[in-house]
Amino acid sequence: MGDAYDNALAETINGLYKAECIRTTVFQSGPYKTIADVEYATAGWVDWYNNRRLHGSLGHVPPIEYEHVHYASLTEQFQPA
Protein backbone atom coordinates (compact mmCIF):
# COMPACT_ATOMS: atom_id res chain seq x y z
CA MET A 1 0.00 0.00 0.00
CA GLY A 2 1.36 3.43 -0.92
CA ASP A 3 1.37 6.70 0.91
CA ALA A 4 1.29 10.36 -0.04
CA TYR A 5 5.10 10.54 -0.39
CA ASP A 6 5.53 7.73 -2.93
CA ASN A 7 5.73 10.04 -5.93
CA ALA A 8 7.10 13.16 -4.23
CA LEU A 9 10.49 13.14 -5.99
CA ALA A 10 8.97 12.47 -9.41
CA GLU A 11 6.38 15.22 -8.92
CA THR A 12 9.07 17.66 -7.81
CA ILE A 13 11.24 17.03 -10.87
CA ASN A 14 8.18 17.17 -13.13
CA GLY A 15 7.23 20.54 -11.64
CA LEU A 16 10.77 21.90 -12.06
CA TYR A 17 10.84 20.66 -15.67
CA LYS A 18 7.56 22.36 -16.49
CA ALA A 19 8.53 25.62 -14.79
CA GLU A 20 12.12 25.82 -16.06
CA CYS A 21 11.83 24.27 -19.51
CA ILE A 22 8.30 24.14 -20.87
CA ARG A 23 6.81 27.39 -19.55
CA THR A 24 9.81 29.59 -20.38
CA THR A 25 11.77 30.46 -23.49
CA VAL A 26 15.16 29.66 -21.93
CA PHE A 27 15.61 26.37 -23.79
CA GLN A 28 13.40 27.13 -26.82
CA SER A 29 12.68 30.47 -28.42
CA GLY A 30 9.00 30.81 -29.22
CA PRO A 31 6.22 28.26 -28.96
CA TYR A 32 6.76 24.54 -29.36
CA LYS A 33 5.50 23.52 -32.78
CA THR A 34 6.58 19.90 -32.98
CA ILE A 35 7.48 17.00 -30.70
CA ALA A 36 11.07 17.46 -31.88
CA ASP A 37 11.03 21.01 -30.43
CA VAL A 38 10.00 19.62 -27.04
CA GLU A 39 12.58 16.84 -27.23
CA TYR A 40 15.37 19.26 -28.12
CA ALA A 41 14.42 21.65 -25.31
CA THR A 42 14.16 18.73 -22.88
CA ALA A 43 17.65 17.51 -23.80
CA GLY A 44 19.00 21.02 -23.19
CA TRP A 45 17.25 21.23 -19.82
CA VAL A 46 18.53 17.80 -18.71
CA ASP A 47 22.08 18.77 -19.70
CA TRP A 48 21.80 22.05 -17.80
CA TYR A 49 20.18 20.38 -14.77
CA ASN A 50 22.82 17.65 -14.47
CA ASN A 51 25.94 19.53 -15.54
CA ARG A 52 25.73 23.31 -15.18
CA ARG A 53 23.16 24.50 -12.66
CA LEU A 54 24.52 25.82 -9.40
CA HIS A 55 23.28 23.69 -6.53
CA GLY A 56 22.96 25.36 -3.14
CA SER A 57 23.43 22.27 -1.00
CA LEU A 58 26.60 21.40 -2.94
CA GLY A 59 28.31 24.71 -2.15
CA HIS A 60 26.97 26.48 -5.26
CA VAL A 61 28.91 24.32 -7.70
CA PRO A 62 27.42 22.31 -10.57
CA PRO A 63 26.55 18.70 -9.72
CA ILE A 64 29.02 17.27 -12.25
CA GLU A 65 31.90 19.29 -10.78
CA TYR A 66 30.98 18.17 -7.26
CA GLU A 67 30.85 14.56 -8.42
CA HIS A 68 34.30 14.77 -10.05
CA VAL A 69 35.82 16.21 -6.86
CA HIS A 70 34.09 13.54 -4.77
CA TYR A 71 35.37 10.63 -6.87
CA ALA A 72 38.85 12.15 -7.10
CA SER A 73 39.01 12.28 -3.31
CA LEU A 74 37.96 8.61 -3.09
CA THR A 75 40.67 7.64 -5.52
CA GLU A 76 43.32 9.53 -3.54
CA GLN A 77 42.29 7.79 -0.29
CA PHE A 78 42.98 4.37 -1.70
CA GLN A 79 46.40 5.11 -3.17
CA PRO A 80 49.26 3.14 -1.55
CA ALA A 81 51.58 5.26 0.55
PDB file of N, CA and C in Angstrom:
ATOM      1  N   MET A   1       0.838  -1.166   0.000  1.00  0.00           N
ATOM      2  CA  MET A   1       0.000   0.000   0.000  1.00  0.00           C
ATOM      3  C   MET A   1       0.891   1.239   0.000  1.00  0.00           C
ATOM      4  N   GLY A   2       0.558   2.222  -0.791  1.00  0.00           N
ATOM      5  CA  GLY A   2       1.364   3.427  -0.923  1.00  0.00           C
ATOM      6  C   GLY A   2       0.935   4.508   0.052  1.00  0.00           C
ATOM      7  N   ASP A   3       1.733   5.546   0.112  1.00  0.00           N
ATOM      8  CA  ASP A   3       1.368   6.704   0.915  1.00  0.00           C
ATOM      9  C   ASP A   3       1.530   7.963   0.077  1.00  0.00           C
ATOM     10  N   ALA A   4       1.283   9.089   0.683  1.00  0.00           N
ATOM     11  CA  ALA A   4       1.293  10.363  -0.043  1.00  0.00           C
ATOM     12  C   ALA A   4       2.677  10.758  -0.543  1.00  0.00           C
ATOM     13  N   TYR A   5       3.740  10.155  -0.012  1.00  0.00           N
ATOM     14  CA  TYR A   5       5.100  10.537  -0.390  1.00  0.00           C
ATOM     15  C   TYR A   5       5.711   9.642  -1.461  1.00  0.00           C
ATOM     16  N   ASP A   6       4.986   8.659  -1.944  1.00  0.00           N
ATOM     17  CA  ASP A   6       5.534   7.729  -2.931  1.00  0.00           C
ATOM     18  C   ASP A   6       6.067   8.427  -4.180  1.00  0.00           C
ATOM     19  N   ASN A   7       5.361   9.385  -4.680  1.00  0.00           N
ATOM     20  CA  ASN A   7       5.727  10.041  -5.933  1.00  0.00           C
ATOM     21  C   ASN A   7       6.279  11.450  -5.731  1.00  0.00           C
ATOM     22  N   ALA A   8       6.678  11.794  -4.525  1.00  0.00           N
ATOM     23  CA  ALA A   8       7.103  13.160  -4.229  1.00  0.00           C
ATOM     24  C   ALA A   8       8.292  13.599  -5.076  1.00  0.00           C
ATOM     25  N   LEU A   9       9.315  12.757  -5.211  1.00  0.00           N
ATOM     26  CA  LEU A   9      10.490  13.136  -5.993  1.00  0.00           C
ATOM     27  C   LEU A   9      10.133  13.307  -7.462  1.00  0.00           C
ATOM     28  N   ALA A  10       9.368  12.372  -8.004  1.00  0.00           N
ATOM     29  CA  ALA A  10       8.972  12.471  -9.412  1.00  0.00           C
ATOM     30  C   ALA A  10       8.131  13.725  -9.658  1.00  0.00           C
ATOM     31  N   GLU A  11       7.216  14.027  -8.762  1.00  0.00           N
ATOM     32  CA  GLU A  11       6.380  15.218  -8.921  1.00  0.00           C
ATOM     33  C   GLU A  11       7.203  16.497  -8.809  1.00  0.00           C
ATOM     34  N   THR A  12       8.210  16.490  -7.945  1.00  0.00           N
ATOM     35  CA  THR A  12       9.065  17.664  -7.806  1.00  0.00           C
ATOM     36  C   THR A  12       9.861  17.917  -9.087  1.00  0.00           C
ATOM     37  N   ILE A  13      10.473  16.875  -9.629  1.00  0.00           N
ATOM     38  CA  ILE A  13      11.241  17.027 -10.868  1.00  0.00           C
ATOM     39  C   ILE A  13      10.325  17.430 -12.017  1.00  0.00           C
ATOM     40  N   ASN A  14       9.141  16.830 -12.082  1.00  0.00           N
ATOM     41  CA  ASN A  14       8.183  17.173 -13.127  1.00  0.00           C
ATOM     42  C   ASN A  14       7.788  18.645 -13.033  1.00  0.00           C
ATOM     43  N   GLY A  15       7.564  19.134 -11.827  1.00  0.00           N
ATOM     44  CA  GLY A  15       7.231  20.545 -11.635  1.00  0.00           C
ATOM     45  C   GLY A  15       8.374  21.464 -12.042  1.00  0.00           C
ATOM     46  N   LEU A  16       9.608  21.093 -11.653  1.00  0.00           N
ATOM     47  CA  LEU A  16      10.768  21.896 -12.061  1.00  0.00           C
ATOM     48  C   LEU A  16      10.907  21.923 -13.579  1.00  0.00           C
ATOM     49  N   TYR A  17      10.743  20.767 -14.208  1.00  0.00           N
ATOM     50  CA  TYR A  17      10.842  20.661 -15.667  1.00  0.00           C
ATOM     51  C   TYR A  17       9.829  21.568 -16.351  1.00  0.00           C
ATOM     52  N   LYS A  18       8.597  21.521 -15.888  1.00  0.00           N
ATOM     53  CA  LYS A  18       7.558  22.364 -16.491  1.00  0.00           C
ATOM     54  C   LYS A  18       7.868  23.845 -16.297  1.00  0.00           C
ATOM     55  N   ALA A  19       8.272  24.208 -15.090  1.00  0.00           N
ATOM     56  CA  ALA A  19       8.533  25.618 -14.791  1.00  0.00           C
ATOM     57  C   ALA A  19       9.778  26.145 -15.492  1.00  0.00           C
ATOM     58  N   GLU A  20      10.840  25.346 -15.539  1.00  0.00           N
ATOM     59  CA  GLU A  20      12.116  25.824 -16.061  1.00  0.00           C
ATOM     60  C   GLU A  20      12.292  25.589 -17.550  1.00  0.00           C
ATOM     61  N   CYS A  21      11.616  24.613 -18.105  1.00  0.00           N
ATOM     62  CA  CYS A  21      11.832  24.266 -19.511  1.00  0.00           C
ATOM     63  C   CYS A  21      10.614  24.575 -20.377  1.00  0.00           C
ATOM     64  N   ILE A  22       9.470  24.058 -20.013  1.00  0.00           N
ATOM     65  CA  ILE A  22       8.299  24.142 -20.873  1.00  0.00           C
ATOM     66  C   ILE A  22       7.650  25.523 -20.837  1.00  0.00           C
ATOM     67  N   ARG A  23       7.524  26.120 -19.682  1.00  0.00           N
ATOM     68  CA  ARG A  23       6.807  27.390 -19.555  1.00  0.00           C
ATOM     69  C   ARG A  23       7.673  28.623 -19.742  1.00  0.00           C
ATOM     70  N   THR A  24       8.917  28.450 -20.144  1.00  0.00           N
ATOM     71  CA  THR A  24       9.807  29.587 -20.384  1.00  0.00           C
ATOM     72  C   THR A  24      10.366  29.497 -21.801  1.00  0.00           C
ATOM     73  N   THR A  25      11.109  30.496 -22.182  1.00  0.00           N
ATOM     74  CA  THR A  25      11.772  30.463 -23.491  1.00  0.00           C
ATOM     75  C   THR A  25      13.282  30.324 -23.333  1.00  0.00           C
ATOM     76  N   VAL A  26      13.730  29.814 -22.184  1.00  0.00           N
ATOM     77  CA  VAL A  26      15.158  29.656 -21.933  1.00  0.00           C
ATOM     78  C   VAL A  26      15.762  28.595 -22.844  1.00  0.00           C
ATOM     79  N   PHE A  27      15.070  27.479 -23.008  1.00  0.00           N
ATOM     80  CA  PHE A  27      15.608  26.372 -23.786  1.00  0.00           C
ATOM     81  C   PHE A  27      15.008  26.266 -25.181  1.00  0.00           C
ATOM     82  N   GLN A  28      14.033  27.113 -25.499  1.00  0.00           N
ATOM     83  CA  GLN A  28      13.403  27.129 -26.824  1.00  0.00           C
ATOM     84  C   GLN A  28      12.852  28.523 -27.048  1.00  0.00           C
ATOM     85  N   SER A  29      13.226  29.152 -28.141  1.00  0.00           N
ATOM     86  CA  SER A  29      12.679  30.474 -28.421  1.00  0.00           C
ATOM     87  C   SER A  29      11.345  30.313 -29.148  1.00  0.00           C
ATOM     88  N   GLY A  30      10.323  30.901 -28.604  1.00  0.00           N
ATOM     89  CA  GLY A  30       9.005  30.809 -29.219  1.00  0.00           C
ATOM     90  C   GLY A  30       8.253  29.571 -28.799  1.00  0.00           C
ATOM     91  N   PRO A  31       7.055  29.404 -29.341  1.00  0.00           N
ATOM     92  CA  PRO A  31       6.225  28.256 -28.958  1.00  0.00           C
ATOM     93  C   PRO A  31       6.750  26.946 -29.536  1.00  0.00           C
ATOM     94  N   TYR A  32       6.416  25.870 -28.862  1.00  0.00           N
ATOM     95  CA  TYR A  32       6.764  24.545 -29.357  1.00  0.00           C
ATOM     96  C   TYR A  32       5.797  24.190 -30.485  1.00  0.00           C
ATOM     97  N   LYS A  33       6.343  23.843 -31.633  1.00  0.00           N
ATOM     98  CA  LYS A  33       5.498  23.525 -32.782  1.00  0.00           C
ATOM     99  C   LYS A  33       5.477  22.044 -33.092  1.00  0.00           C
ATOM    100  N   THR A  34       6.512  21.324 -32.699  1.00  0.00           N
ATOM    101  CA  THR A  34       6.585  19.898 -32.980  1.00  0.00           C
ATOM    102  C   THR A  34       7.090  19.155 -31.749  1.00  0.00           C
ATOM    103  N   ILE A  35       6.938  17.851 -31.773  1.00  0.00           N
ATOM    104  CA  ILE A  35       7.479  17.004 -30.703  1.00  0.00           C
ATOM    105  C   ILE A  35       9.003  17.148 -30.663  1.00  0.00           C
ATOM    106  N   ALA A  36       9.618  17.303 -31.827  1.00  0.00           N
ATOM    107  CA  ALA A  36      11.072  17.465 -31.880  1.00  0.00           C
ATOM    108  C   ALA A  36      11.507  18.727 -31.135  1.00  0.00           C
ATOM    109  N   ASP A  37      10.714  19.800 -31.190  1.00  0.00           N
ATOM    110  CA  ASP A  37      11.027  21.015 -30.434  1.00  0.00           C
ATOM    111  C   ASP A  37      11.053  20.723 -28.936  1.00  0.00           C
ATOM    112  N   VAL A  38      10.063  19.977 -28.463  1.00  0.00           N
ATOM    113  CA  VAL A  38       9.996  19.624 -27.040  1.00  0.00           C
ATOM    114  C   VAL A  38      11.160  18.717 -26.666  1.00  0.00           C
ATOM    115  N   GLU A  39      11.474  17.750 -27.513  1.00  0.00           N
ATOM    116  CA  GLU A  39      12.578  16.836 -27.229  1.00  0.00           C
ATOM    117  C   GLU A  39      13.907  17.579 -27.172  1.00  0.00           C
ATOM    118  N   TYR A  40      14.125  18.497 -28.093  1.00  0.00           N
ATOM    119  CA  TYR A  40      15.369  19.260 -28.115  1.00  0.00           C
ATOM    120  C   TYR A  40      15.493  20.143 -26.870  1.00  0.00           C
ATOM    121  N   ALA A  41      14.404  20.810 -26.505  1.00  0.00           N
ATOM    122  CA  ALA A  41      14.418  21.649 -25.306  1.00  0.00           C
ATOM    123  C   ALA A  41      14.630  20.795 -24.062  1.00  0.00           C
ATOM    124  N   THR A  42      14.017  19.625 -24.016  1.00  0.00           N
ATOM    125  CA  THR A  42      14.162  18.725 -22.878  1.00  0.00           C
ATOM    126  C   THR A  42      15.610  18.260 -22.734  1.00  0.00           C
ATOM    127  N   ALA A  43      16.238  17.924 -23.843  1.00  0.00           N
ATOM    128  CA  ALA A  43      17.645  17.509 -23.797  1.00  0.00           C
ATOM    129  C   ALA A  43      18.520  18.648 -23.270  1.00  0.00           C
ATOM    130  N   GLY A  44      18.252  19.870 -23.691  1.00  0.00           N
ATOM    131  CA  GLY A  44      18.999  21.023 -23.186  1.00  0.00           C
ATOM    132  C   GLY A  44      18.790  21.229 -21.697  1.00  0.00           C
ATOM    133  N   TRP A  45      17.543  21.065 -21.242  1.00  0.00           N
ATOM    134  CA  TRP A  45      17.250  21.228 -19.823  1.00  0.00           C
ATOM    135  C   TRP A  45      17.942  20.149 -18.989  1.00  0.00           C
ATOM    136  N   VAL A  46      17.888  18.903 -19.445  1.00  0.00           N
ATOM    137  CA  VAL A  46      18.527  17.804 -18.705  1.00  0.00           C
ATOM    138  C   VAL A  46      20.039  18.030 -18.626  1.00  0.00           C
ATOM    139  N   ASP A  47      20.652  18.471 -19.724  1.00  0.00           N
ATOM    140  CA  ASP A  47      22.083  18.770 -19.704  1.00  0.00           C
ATOM    141  C   ASP A  47      22.386  19.874 -18.699  1.00  0.00           C
ATOM    142  N   TRP A  48      21.606  20.943 -18.739  1.00  0.00           N
ATOM    143  CA  TRP A  48      21.804  22.052 -17.798  1.00  0.00           C
ATOM    144  C   TRP A  48      21.600  21.575 -16.362  1.00  0.00           C
ATOM    145  N   TYR A  49      20.525  20.821 -16.118  1.00  0.00           N
ATOM    146  CA  TYR A  49      20.179  20.381 -14.770  1.00  0.00           C
ATOM    147  C   TYR A  49      21.259  19.486 -14.178  1.00  0.00           C
ATOM    148  N   ASN A  50      21.815  18.600 -14.970  1.00  0.00           N
ATOM    149  CA  ASN A  50      22.819  17.655 -14.472  1.00  0.00           C
ATOM    150  C   ASN A  50      24.237  18.191 -14.476  1.00  0.00           C
ATOM    151  N   ASN A  51      24.550  19.138 -15.344  1.00  0.00           N
ATOM    152  CA  ASN A  51      25.944  19.529 -15.536  1.00  0.00           C
ATOM    153  C   ASN A  51      26.286  20.970 -15.199  1.00  0.00           C
ATOM    154  N   ARG A  52      25.348  21.909 -15.308  1.00  0.00           N
ATOM    155  CA  ARG A  52      25.733  23.310 -15.183  1.00  0.00           C
ATOM    156  C   ARG A  52      25.018  24.124 -14.129  1.00  0.00           C
ATOM    157  N   ARG A  53      23.886  23.675 -13.636  1.00  0.00           N
ATOM    158  CA  ARG A  53      23.159  24.495 -12.663  1.00  0.00           C
ATOM    159  C   ARG A  53      23.938  24.554 -11.359  1.00  0.00           C
ATOM    160  N   LEU A  54      23.861  25.669 -10.683  1.00  0.00           N
ATOM    161  CA  LEU A  54      24.524  25.817  -9.397  1.00  0.00           C
ATOM    162  C   LEU A  54      23.595  25.289  -8.324  1.00  0.00           C
ATOM    163  N   HIS A  55      24.089  24.376  -7.520  1.00  0.00           N
ATOM    164  CA  HIS A  55      23.283  23.685  -6.533  1.00  0.00           C
ATOM    165  C   HIS A  55      23.657  24.181  -5.140  1.00  0.00           C
ATOM    166  N   GLY A  56      22.705  24.765  -4.440  1.00  0.00           N
ATOM    167  CA  GLY A  56      22.964  25.363  -3.140  1.00  0.00           C
ATOM    168  C   GLY A  56      23.504  24.402  -2.107  1.00  0.00           C
ATOM    169  N   SER A  57      22.960  23.202  -2.031  1.00  0.00           N
ATOM    170  CA  SER A  57      23.428  22.272  -0.997  1.00  0.00           C
ATOM    171  C   SER A  57      24.760  21.624  -1.354  1.00  0.00           C
ATOM    172  N   LEU A  58      25.281  21.901  -2.542  1.00  0.00           N
ATOM    173  CA  LEU A  58      26.602  21.396  -2.942  1.00  0.00           C
ATOM    174  C   LEU A  58      27.651  22.508  -2.917  1.00  0.00           C
ATOM    175  N   GLY A  59      27.355  23.602  -2.241  1.00  0.00           N
ATOM    176  CA  GLY A  59      28.309  24.709  -2.155  1.00  0.00           C
ATOM    177  C   GLY A  59      28.291  25.595  -3.387  1.00  0.00           C
ATOM    178  N   HIS A  60      27.160  25.657  -4.054  1.00  0.00           N
ATOM    179  CA  HIS A  60      26.971  26.481  -5.258  1.00  0.00           C
ATOM    180  C   HIS A  60      27.944  26.118  -6.372  1.00  0.00           C
ATOM    181  N   VAL A  61      28.149  24.821  -6.554  1.00  0.00           N
ATOM    182  CA  VAL A  61      28.914  24.316  -7.696  1.00  0.00           C
ATOM    183  C   VAL A  61      27.994  23.393  -8.492  1.00  0.00           C
ATOM    184  N   PRO A  62      28.249  23.226  -9.767  1.00  0.00           N
ATOM    185  CA  PRO A  62      27.425  22.313 -10.569  1.00  0.00           C
ATOM    186  C   PRO A  62      27.557  20.873 -10.074  1.00  0.00           C
ATOM    187  N   PRO A  63      26.498  20.085 -10.185  1.00  0.00           N
ATOM    188  CA  PRO A  63      26.552  18.698  -9.715  1.00  0.00           C
ATOM    189  C   PRO A  63      27.687  17.889 -10.332  1.00  0.00           C
ATOM    190  N   ILE A  64      27.970  18.062 -11.599  1.00  0.00           N
ATOM    191  CA  ILE A  64      29.020  17.271 -12.249  1.00  0.00           C
ATOM    192  C   ILE A  64      30.395  17.603 -11.669  1.00  0.00           C
ATOM    193  N   GLU A  65      30.623  18.884 -11.373  1.00  0.00           N
ATOM    194  CA  GLU A  65      31.900  19.290 -10.777  1.00  0.00           C
ATOM    195  C   GLU A  65      32.039  18.700  -9.369  1.00  0.00           C
ATOM    196  N   TYR A  66      30.968  18.749  -8.603  1.00  0.00           N
ATOM    197  CA  TYR A  66      30.981  18.171  -7.256  1.00  0.00           C
ATOM    198  C   TYR A  66      31.262  16.676  -7.316  1.00  0.00           C
ATOM    199  N   GLU A  67      30.651  16.006  -8.273  1.00  0.00           N
ATOM    200  CA  GLU A  67      30.854  14.561  -8.421  1.00  0.00           C
ATOM    201  C   GLU A  67      32.298  14.231  -8.779  1.00  0.00           C
ATOM    202  N   HIS A  68      32.897  15.009  -9.680  1.00  0.00           N
ATOM    203  CA  HIS A  68      34.302  14.769 -10.049  1.00  0.00           C
ATOM    204  C   HIS A  68      35.223  14.937  -8.842  1.00  0.00           C
ATOM    205  N   VAL A  69      34.992  15.980  -8.053  1.00  0.00           N
ATOM    206  CA  VAL A  69      35.818  16.208  -6.859  1.00  0.00           C
ATOM    207  C   VAL A  69      35.624  15.069  -5.862  1.00  0.00           C
ATOM    208  N   HIS A  70      34.388  14.641  -5.703  1.00  0.00           N
ATOM    209  CA  HIS A  70      34.091  13.542  -4.772  1.00  0.00           C
ATOM    210  C   HIS A  70      34.834  12.269  -5.171  1.00  0.00           C
ATOM    211  N   TYR A  71      34.723  11.869  -6.442  1.00  0.00           N
ATOM    212  CA  TYR A  71      35.375  10.630  -6.872  1.00  0.00           C
ATOM    213  C   TYR A  71      36.890  10.756  -6.895  1.00  0.00           C
ATOM    214  N   ALA A  72      37.406  11.945  -7.160  1.00  0.00           N
ATOM    215  CA  ALA A  72      38.854  12.145  -7.102  1.00  0.00           C
ATOM    216  C   ALA A  72      39.358  11.963  -5.674  1.00  0.00           C
ATOM    217  N   SER A  73      38.585  12.434  -4.698  1.00  0.00           N
ATOM    218  CA  SER A  73      39.008  12.279  -3.311  1.00  0.00           C
ATOM    219  C   SER A  73      38.949  10.810  -2.875  1.00  0.00           C
ATOM    220  N   LEU A  74      38.000  10.040  -3.404  1.00  0.00           N
ATOM    221  CA  LEU A  74      37.957   8.606  -3.090  1.00  0.00           C
ATOM    222  C   LEU A  74      39.151   7.888  -3.676  1.00  0.00           C
ATOM    223  N   THR A  75      39.530   8.264  -4.872  1.00  0.00           N
ATOM    224  CA  THR A  75      40.673   7.642  -5.525  1.00  0.00           C
ATOM    225  C   THR A  75      41.950   7.934  -4.748  1.00  0.00           C
ATOM    226  N   GLU A  76      42.114   9.159  -4.284  1.00  0.00           N
ATOM    227  CA  GLU A  76      43.316   9.530  -3.542  1.00  0.00           C
ATOM    228  C   GLU A  76      43.406   8.786  -2.218  1.00  0.00           C
ATOM    229  N   GLN A  77      42.290   8.495  -1.568  1.00  0.00           N
ATOM    230  CA  GLN A  77      42.294   7.795  -0.287  1.00  0.00           C
ATOM    231  C   GLN A  77      42.836   6.380  -0.414  1.00  0.00           C
ATOM    232  N   PHE A  78      42.613   5.765  -1.538  1.00  0.00           N
ATOM    233  CA  PHE A  78      42.977   4.373  -1.698  1.00  0.00           C
ATOM    234  C   PHE A  78      44.305   4.178  -2.418  1.00  0.00           C
ATOM    235  N   GLN A  79      45.081   5.228  -2.560  1.00  0.00           N
ATOM    236  CA  GLN A  79      46.402   5.107  -3.173  1.00  0.00           C
ATOM    237  C   GLN A  79      47.400   4.587  -2.138  1.00  0.00           C
ATOM    238  N   PRO A  80      48.267   3.639  -2.525  1.00  0.00           N
ATOM    239  CA  PRO A  80      49.259   3.145  -1.552  1.00  0.00           C
ATOM    240  C   PRO A  80      50.255   4.240  -1.172  1.00  0.00           C
ATOM    241  N   ALA A  81      50.676   4.227   0.072  1.00  0.00           N
ATOM    242  CA  ALA A  81      51.583   5.265   0.550  1.00  0.00           C
ATOM    243  C   ALA A  81      53.022   4.921   0.260  1.00  0.00           C
TER     244      ALA A  81
END
